[in-house]
């Protein structure tokens, strides 16, 4: 949303500069995705680190309007966005029981898909009123604040972060779920898995905030 006017109005470039900027974002995204493929477990910490990295990159692009700075900063932003979204996607699917996964993922996808056009609209309004650099800067600072707050919260609650990384969901017996629908709600989980489910659900909001600030499409499952 904001990169095309940033390339044209702030950097004074054209299609070539815009192509380099988008390529830098893609390089960062691909690097993060390939590295994530080597990891065996998602982490709540990784979601917060990804959001912080995304915010730092966007803020750097806005504060230093130079192609030489924007290219590595957008590599950082692309890596942070994928690091955050992929870890959130993996974590929420891994800790939610099979009987609840469809419902939880529907909420997850709705938040991502619903927040993206809203974020794009806000970014467009800010870019029209204040300029593309200011829009990127505001989005970067907000994302950085969210990511930093999440890091501080996880540091203050280490048990929650550990539960999110190690808990395995307990399967709810189908007969119990049919006989009593209340048996298919999160309190039926064991305590570690219940805590992990809450962390994963909260991570959805963090992921949505970062993706909306960048104006990026939602990740596919």
C-alpha atoms as a PDB file:
ATOM      1  CA  UNK A   1       0.000   0.000   0.000  1.00  0.00           C
ATOM      2  CA  UNK A   2       2.679   2.521   0.997  1.00  0.00           C
ATOM      3  CA  UNK A   3       5.756   1.161  -0.780  1.00  0.00           C
ATOM      4  CA  UNK A   4       4.799   2.376  -4.307  1.00  0.00           C
ATOM      5  CA  UNK A   5       4.297   6.030  -3.253  1.00  0.00           C
ATOM      6  CA  UNK A   6       7.355   5.762  -1.018  1.00  0.00           C
ATOM      7  CA  UNK A   7       9.494   4.688  -3.986  1.00  0.00           C
ATOM      8  CA  UNK A   8       8.083   7.432  -6.197  1.00  0.00           C
ATOM      9  CA  UNK A   9       7.576  10.417  -3.894  1.00  0.00           C
ATOM     10  CA  UNK A  10      10.192   9.896  -1.164  1.00  0.00           C
ATOM     11  CA  UNK A  11      13.022   8.140  -2.985  1.00  0.00           C
ATOM     12  CA  UNK A  12      12.284   9.868  -6.284  1.00  0.00           C
ATOM     13  CA  UNK A  13      12.546   6.578  -8.157  1.00  0.00           C
ATOM     14  CA  UNK A  14      10.386   4.652 -10.542  1.00  0.00           C
ATOM     15  CA  UNK A  15       9.446   1.101 -11.371  1.00  0.00           C
ATOM     16  CA  UNK A  16      13.031  -0.104 -10.978  1.00  0.00           C
ATOM     17  CA  UNK A  17      13.372   1.172  -7.426  1.00  0.00           C
ATOM     18  CA  UNK A  18       9.948  -0.192  -6.547  1.00  0.00           C
ATOM     19  CA  UNK A  19      10.992  -3.577  -7.895  1.00  0.00           C
ATOM     20  CA  UNK A  20      14.141  -3.572  -5.783  1.00  0.00           C
ATOM     21  CA  UNK A  21      12.158  -2.670  -2.660  1.00  0.00           C
ATOM     22  CA  UNK A  22       9.622  -5.450  -3.163  1.00  0.00           C
ATOM     23  CA  UNK A  23      12.407  -7.904  -3.999  1.00  0.00           C
ATOM     24  CA  UNK A  24      14.115  -7.027  -0.721  1.00  0.00           C
ATOM     25  CA  UNK A  25      10.905  -7.824   1.159  1.00  0.00           C
ATOM     26  CA  UNK A  26      10.635 -11.119  -0.704  1.00  0.00           C
ATOM     27  CA  UNK A  27      14.243 -12.040   0.053  1.00  0.00           C
ATOM     28  CA  UNK A  28      13.657 -11.520   3.756  1.00  0.00           C
ATOM     29  CA  UNK A  29      10.424 -13.493   3.671  1.00  0.00           C
ATOM     30  CA  UNK A  30      12.030 -16.390   1.822  1.00  0.00           C
ATOM     31  CA  UNK A  31      15.026 -16.469   4.155  1.00  0.00           C
ATOM     32  CA  UNK A  32      12.776 -16.572   7.215  1.00  0.00           C
ATOM     33  CA  UNK A  33      10.580 -19.267   5.685  1.00  0.00           C
ATOM     34  CA  UNK A  34      13.552 -21.478   4.832  1.00  0.00           C
ATOM     35  CA  UNK A  35      15.020 -21.091   8.301  1.00  0.00           C
ATOM     36  CA  UNK A  36      11.669 -21.827   9.921  1.00  0.00           C
ATOM     37  CA  UNK A  37      11.540 -25.079   7.976  1.00  0.00           C
ATOM     38  CA  UNK A  38      14.551 -26.273   9.991  1.00  0.00           C
ATOM     39  CA  UNK A  39      12.859 -25.608  13.349  1.00  0.00           C
ATOM     40  CA  UNK A  40      10.961 -28.386  15.087  1.00  0.00           C
ATOM     41  CA  UNK A  41       8.695 -26.294  17.294  1.00  0.00           C
ATOM     42  CA  UNK A  42       6.921 -22.947  17.157  1.00  0.00           C
ATOM     43  CA  UNK A  43       7.435 -20.446  19.947  1.00  0.00           C
ATOM     44  CA  UNK A  44       5.439 -17.640  21.520  1.00  0.00           C
ATOM     45  CA  UNK A  45       8.720 -15.735  21.840  1.00  0.00           C
ATOM     46  CA  UNK A  46       9.257 -15.991  18.089  1.00  0.00           C
ATOM     47  CA  UNK A  47       5.932 -14.269  17.413  1.00  0.00           C
ATOM     48  CA  UNK A  48       6.903 -11.281  19.554  1.00  0.00           C
ATOM     49  CA  UNK A  49      10.432 -11.179  18.105  1.00  0.00           C
ATOM     50  CA  UNK A  50       9.004 -11.254  14.577  1.00  0.00           C
ATOM     51  CA  UNK A  51       6.673  -8.335  15.313  1.00  0.00           C
ATOM     52  CA  UNK A  52       9.523  -6.351  16.858  1.00  0.00           C
ATOM     53  CA  UNK A  53      11.754  -7.035  13.861  1.00  0.00           C
ATOM     54  CA  UNK A  54       8.990  -6.001  11.471  1.00  0.00           C
ATOM     55  CA  UNK A  55       8.464  -2.757  13.378  1.00  0.00           C
ATOM     56  CA  UNK A  56      12.179  -1.946  13.476  1.00  0.00           C
ATOM     57  CA  UNK A  57      12.496  -2.456   9.740  1.00  0.00           C
ATOM     58  CA  UNK A  58       9.522  -0.258   8.881  1.00  0.00           C
ATOM     59  CA  UNK A  59      10.680   2.461  11.263  1.00  0.00           C
ATOM     60  CA  UNK A  60      14.156   2.418   9.739  1.00  0.00           C
ATOM     61  CA  UNK A  61      12.720   2.784   6.216  1.00  0.00           C
ATOM     62  CA  UNK A  62      10.687   5.790   7.317  1.00  0.00           C
ATOM     63  CA  UNK A  63      13.406   7.520   9.344  1.00  0.00           C
ATOM     64  CA  UNK A  64      16.187   7.247   6.757  1.00  0.00           C
ATOM     65  CA  UNK A  65      14.680   7.755   3.277  1.00  0.00           C
ATOM     66  CA  UNK A  66      17.487   6.202   1.297  1.00  0.00           C
ATOM     67  CA  UNK A  67      17.470   3.229  -1.047  1.00  0.00           C
ATOM     68  CA  UNK A  68      20.645   1.865   0.547  1.00  0.00           C
ATOM     69  CA  UNK A  69      18.928   1.868   3.942  1.00  0.00           C
ATOM     70  CA  UNK A  70      15.490   0.814   2.692  1.00  0.00           C
ATOM     71  CA  UNK A  71      16.733  -2.375   1.025  1.00  0.00           C
ATOM     72  CA  UNK A  72      18.235  -4.073   4.135  1.00  0.00           C
ATOM     73  CA  UNK A  73      15.449  -2.633   6.300  1.00  0.00           C
ATOM     74  CA  UNK A  74      12.802  -4.221   4.081  1.00  0.00           C
ATOM     75  CA  UNK A  75      14.703  -7.499   4.143  1.00  0.00           C
ATOM     76  CA  UNK A  76      14.374  -7.276   7.929  1.00  0.00           C
ATOM     77  CA  UNK A  77      10.684  -6.392   7.675  1.00  0.00           C
ATOM     78  CA  UNK A  78       9.924  -9.264   5.331  1.00  0.00           C
ATOM     79  CA  UNK A  79      11.732 -11.711   7.578  1.00  0.00           C
ATOM     80  CA  UNK A  80       9.965 -10.402  10.671  1.00  0.00           C
ATOM     81  CA  UNK A  81       6.524 -10.587   9.073  1.00  0.00           C
ATOM     82  CA  UNK A  82       6.945 -14.211   8.020  1.00  0.00           C
ATOM     83  CA  UNK A  83       8.632 -15.144  11.297  1.00  0.00           C
ATOM     84  CA  UNK A  84       5.688 -13.733  13.219  1.00  0.00           C
ATOM     85  CA  UNK A  85       2.896 -15.065  11.010  1.00  0.00           C
ATOM     86  CA  UNK A  86       4.300 -18.549  10.454  1.00  0.00           C
ATOM     87  CA  UNK A  87       5.057 -19.114  14.129  1.00  0.00           C
ATOM     88  CA  UNK A  88       1.607 -17.877  15.116  1.00  0.00           C
ATOM     89  CA  UNK A  89      -0.041 -20.072  12.514  1.00  0.00           C
ATOM     90  CA  UNK A  90       1.931 -23.141  13.576  1.00  0.00           C
ATOM     91  CA  UNK A  91       1.535 -22.553  17.297  1.00  0.00           C
ATOM     92  CA  UNK A  92      -2.199 -22.068  17.264  1.00  0.00           C
ATOM     93  CA  UNK A  93      -2.725 -25.209  15.174  1.00  0.00           C
ATOM     94  CA  UNK A  94      -0.399 -27.339  17.259  1.00  0.00           C
ATOM     95  CA  UNK A  95      -1.874 -26.580  20.688  1.00  0.00           C
ATOM     96  CA  UNK A  96      -5.580 -26.603  19.814  1.00  0.00           C
ATOM     97  CA  UNK A  97      -7.357 -30.000  20.080  1.00  0.00           C
ATOM     98  CA  UNK A  98      -8.600 -31.626  16.890  1.00  0.00           C
ATOM     99  CA  UNK A  99     -12.221 -31.088  17.918  1.00  0.00           C
ATOM    100  CA  UNK A 100     -11.729 -27.319  18.218  1.00  0.00           C
ATOM    101  CA  UNK A 101      -9.182 -26.647  15.486  1.00  0.00           C
ATOM    102  CA  UNK A 102     -11.685 -25.817  12.768  1.00  0.00           C
ATOM    103  CA  UNK A 103     -13.507 -23.254  14.915  1.00  0.00           C
ATOM    104  CA  UNK A 104     -10.326 -21.685  16.245  1.00  0.00           C
ATOM    105  CA  UNK A 105      -8.748 -21.481  12.790  1.00  0.00           C
ATOM    106  CA  UNK A 106     -11.902 -19.875  11.408  1.00  0.00           C
ATOM    107  CA  UNK A 107     -11.555 -17.076  13.978  1.00  0.00           C
ATOM    108  CA  UNK A 108      -7.803 -16.853  13.262  1.00  0.00           C
ATOM    109  CA  UNK A 109      -8.326 -16.542   9.511  1.00  0.00           C
ATOM    110  CA  UNK A 110     -11.190 -14.079   9.939  1.00  0.00           C
ATOM    111  CA  UNK A 111      -9.024 -11.786  12.062  1.00  0.00           C
ATOM    112  CA  UNK A 112      -6.158 -11.858   9.569  1.00  0.00           C
ATOM    113  CA  UNK A 113      -8.341 -11.452   6.487  1.00  0.00           C
ATOM    114  CA  UNK A 114     -10.537  -8.848   8.148  1.00  0.00           C
ATOM    115  CA  UNK A 115      -7.711  -6.732   9.541  1.00  0.00           C
ATOM    116  CA  UNK A 116      -5.737  -6.515   6.299  1.00  0.00           C
ATOM    117  CA  UNK A 117      -8.113  -4.246   4.329  1.00  0.00           C
ATOM    118  CA  UNK A 118      -8.720  -2.129   7.436  1.00  0.00           C
ATOM    119  CA  UNK A 119      -4.975  -1.693   7.922  1.00  0.00           C
ATOM    120  CA  UNK A 120      -4.524  -0.938   4.233  1.00  0.00           C
ATOM    121  CA  UNK A 121      -7.264   1.706   4.386  1.00  0.00           C
ATOM    122  CA  UNK A 122      -5.707   3.384   7.426  1.00  0.00           C
ATOM    123  CA  UNK A 123      -2.248   3.275   5.836  1.00  0.00           C
ATOM    124  CA  UNK A 124      -3.639   4.797   2.646  1.00  0.00           C
ATOM    125  CA  UNK A 125      -5.350   7.625   4.535  1.00  0.00           C
ATOM    126  CA  UNK A 126      -2.172   8.366   6.496  1.00  0.00           C
ATOM    127  CA  UNK A 127      -0.058   8.295   3.341  1.00  0.00           C
ATOM    128  CA  UNK A 128      -2.430  10.736   1.618  1.00  0.00           C
ATOM    129  CA  UNK A 129      -2.523  13.088   4.585  1.00  0.00           C
ATOM    130  CA  UNK A 130       1.019  12.874   5.961  1.00  0.00           C
ATOM    131  CA  UNK A 131       3.077  11.212   3.257  1.00  0.00           C
ATOM    132  CA  UNK A 132       4.251   7.664   2.598  1.00  0.00           C
ATOM    133  CA  UNK A 133       7.238   7.907   4.938  1.00  0.00           C
ATOM    134  CA  UNK A 134       5.048   9.042   7.833  1.00  0.00           C
ATOM    135  CA  UNK A 135       2.582   6.218   7.192  1.00  0.00           C
ATOM    136  CA  UNK A 136       5.382   3.664   7.230  1.00  0.00           C
ATOM    137  CA  UNK A 137       6.845   5.229  10.361  1.00  0.00           C
ATOM    138  CA  UNK A 138       3.552   5.184  12.253  1.00  0.00           C
ATOM    139  CA  UNK A 139       2.916   1.591  11.278  1.00  0.00           C
ATOM    140  CA  UNK A 140       6.439   0.612  12.260  1.00  0.00           C
ATOM    141  CA  UNK A 141       6.288   2.336  15.635  1.00  0.00           C
ATOM    142  CA  UNK A 142       2.901   0.809  16.494  1.00  0.00           C
ATOM    143  CA  UNK A 143       4.119  -2.647  15.489  1.00  0.00           C
ATOM    144  CA  UNK A 144       7.306  -2.134  17.485  1.00  0.00           C
ATOM    145  CA  UNK A 145       5.289  -1.129  20.552  1.00  0.00           C
ATOM    146  CA  UNK A 146       3.070  -4.192  20.257  1.00  0.00           C
ATOM    147  CA  UNK A 147       6.036  -6.518  19.776  1.00  0.00           C
ATOM    148  CA  UNK A 148       8.009  -4.940  22.599  1.00  0.00           C
ATOM    149  CA  UNK A 149       5.030  -5.157  24.938  1.00  0.00           C
ATOM    150  CA  UNK A 150       4.617  -8.818  24.068  1.00  0.00           C
ATOM    151  CA  UNK A 151       8.282  -9.480  24.821  1.00  0.00           C
ATOM    152  CA  UNK A 152       7.978  -7.792  28.202  1.00  0.00           C
ATOM    153  CA  UNK A 153       4.797  -9.726  29.002  1.00  0.00           C
ATOM    154  CA  UNK A 154       6.358 -13.063  28.054  1.00  0.00           C
ATOM    155  CA  UNK A 155       9.399 -12.243  30.163  1.00  0.00           C
ATOM    156  CA  UNK A 156       7.123 -11.546  33.135  1.00  0.00           C
ATOM    157  CA  UNK A 157       5.215 -14.814  32.551  1.00  0.00           C
ATOM    158  CA  UNK A 158       7.872 -17.400  31.607  1.00  0.00           C
ATOM    159  CA  UNK A 159       5.601 -20.308  32.500  1.00  0.00           C
ATOM    160  CA  UNK A 160       3.092 -19.291  29.860  1.00  0.00           C
ATOM    161  CA  UNK A 161       5.763 -19.131  27.166  1.00  0.00           C
ATOM    162  CA  UNK A 162       7.060 -22.576  28.166  1.00  0.00           C
ATOM    163  CA  UNK A 163       3.553 -24.034  28.119  1.00  0.00           C
ATOM    164  CA  UNK A 164       2.943 -22.657  24.636  1.00  0.00           C
ATOM    165  CA  UNK A 165       6.101 -24.312  23.373  1.00  0.00           C
ATOM    166  CA  UNK A 166       5.727 -27.711  25.027  1.00  0.00           C
ATOM    167  CA  UNK A 167       2.056 -28.453  25.676  1.00  0.00           C
ATOM    168  CA  UNK A 168       0.353 -31.093  23.575  1.00  0.00           C
ATOM    169  CA  UNK A 169      -3.435 -30.943  23.232  1.00  0.00           C
ATOM    170  CA  UNK A 170      -5.459 -33.696  24.821  1.00  0.00           C
ATOM    171  CA  UNK A 171      -7.993 -35.255  22.513  1.00  0.00           C
ATOM    172  CA  UNK A 172     -11.584 -34.875  23.699  1.00  0.00           C
ATOM    173  CA  UNK A 173     -13.559 -38.137  23.393  1.00  0.00           C
ATOM    174  CA  UNK A 174     -16.119 -37.745  20.570  1.00  0.00           C
ATOM    175  CA  UNK A 175     -18.844 -39.398  22.645  1.00  0.00           C
ATOM    176  CA  UNK A 176     -18.389 -36.838  25.439  1.00  0.00           C
ATOM    177  CA  UNK A 177     -18.506 -33.969  22.988  1.00  0.00           C
ATOM    178  CA  UNK A 178     -21.753 -35.252  21.481  1.00  0.00           C
ATOM    179  CA  UNK A 179     -23.387 -36.092  24.818  1.00  0.00           C
ATOM    180  CA  UNK A 180     -22.511 -32.739  26.337  1.00  0.00           C
ATOM    181  CA  UNK A 181     -21.416 -29.896  24.018  1.00  0.00           C
ATOM    182  CA  UNK A 182     -19.778 -28.121  26.953  1.00  0.00           C
ATOM    183  CA  UNK A 183     -17.168 -30.885  26.988  1.00  0.00           C
ATOM    184  CA  UNK A 184     -15.791 -29.487  23.727  1.00  0.00           C
ATOM    185  CA  UNK A 185     -14.678 -26.136  25.130  1.00  0.00           C
ATOM    186  CA  UNK A 186     -11.114 -25.204  26.213  1.00  0.00           C
ATOM    187  CA  UNK A 187     -11.640 -25.910  29.977  1.00  0.00           C
ATOM    188  CA  UNK A 188     -11.722 -29.602  29.055  1.00  0.00           C
ATOM    189  CA  UNK A 189      -8.026 -29.331  28.262  1.00  0.00           C
ATOM    190  CA  UNK A 190      -5.297 -30.159  30.684  1.00  0.00           C
ATOM    191  CA  UNK A 191      -3.939 -26.981  32.398  1.00  0.00           C
ATOM    192  CA  UNK A 192      -0.741 -26.648  30.298  1.00  0.00           C
ATOM    193  CA  UNK A 193      -2.624 -27.104  27.056  1.00  0.00           C
ATOM    194  CA  UNK A 194      -5.330 -24.673  28.171  1.00  0.00           C
ATOM    195  CA  UNK A 195      -2.714 -22.024  28.924  1.00  0.00           C
ATOM    196  CA  UNK A 196      -1.002 -22.671  25.614  1.00  0.00           C
ATOM    197  CA  UNK A 197      -4.294 -22.330  23.771  1.00  0.00           C
ATOM    198  CA  UNK A 198      -4.872 -18.934  25.388  1.00  0.00           C
ATOM    199  CA  UNK A 199      -1.369 -17.812  24.392  1.00  0.00           C
ATOM    200  CA  UNK A 200      -1.873 -18.967  20.827  1.00  0.00           C
ATOM    201  CA  UNK A 201      -5.239 -17.229  20.594  1.00  0.00           C
ATOM    202  CA  UNK A 202      -3.737 -14.008  21.979  1.00  0.00           C
ATOM    203  CA  UNK A 203      -0.954 -14.289  19.402  1.00  0.00           C
ATOM    204  CA  UNK A 204      -3.563 -13.920  16.666  1.00  0.00           C
ATOM    205  CA  UNK A 205      -4.148 -10.299  17.675  1.00  0.00           C
ATOM    206  CA  UNK A 206      -0.407  -9.626  17.674  1.00  0.00           C
ATOM    207  CA  UNK A 207      -0.020 -11.149  14.233  1.00  0.00           C
ATOM    208  CA  UNK A 208      -2.989  -9.250  12.867  1.00  0.00           C
ATOM    209  CA  UNK A 209      -1.643  -5.941  14.163  1.00  0.00           C
ATOM    210  CA  UNK A 210       1.706  -6.397  12.470  1.00  0.00           C
ATOM    211  CA  UNK A 211       0.334  -7.598   9.160  1.00  0.00           C
ATOM    212  CA  UNK A 212      -2.252  -4.817   9.068  1.00  0.00           C
ATOM    213  CA  UNK A 213       0.430  -2.205   9.769  1.00  0.00           C
ATOM    214  CA  UNK A 214       2.443  -3.494   6.828  1.00  0.00           C
ATOM    215  CA  UNK A 215      -0.640  -3.806   4.636  1.00  0.00           C
ATOM    216  CA  UNK A 216       0.277  -7.387   3.727  1.00  0.00           C
ATOM    217  CA  UNK A 217      -2.111 -10.193   2.741  1.00  0.00           C
ATOM    218  CA  UNK A 218      -2.931 -12.885   5.310  1.00  0.00           C
ATOM    219  CA  UNK A 219      -0.736 -16.008   5.339  1.00  0.00           C
ATOM    220  CA  UNK A 220      -2.164 -19.194   3.896  1.00  0.00           C
ATOM    221  CA  UNK A 221      -2.383 -22.367   5.974  1.00  0.00           C
END
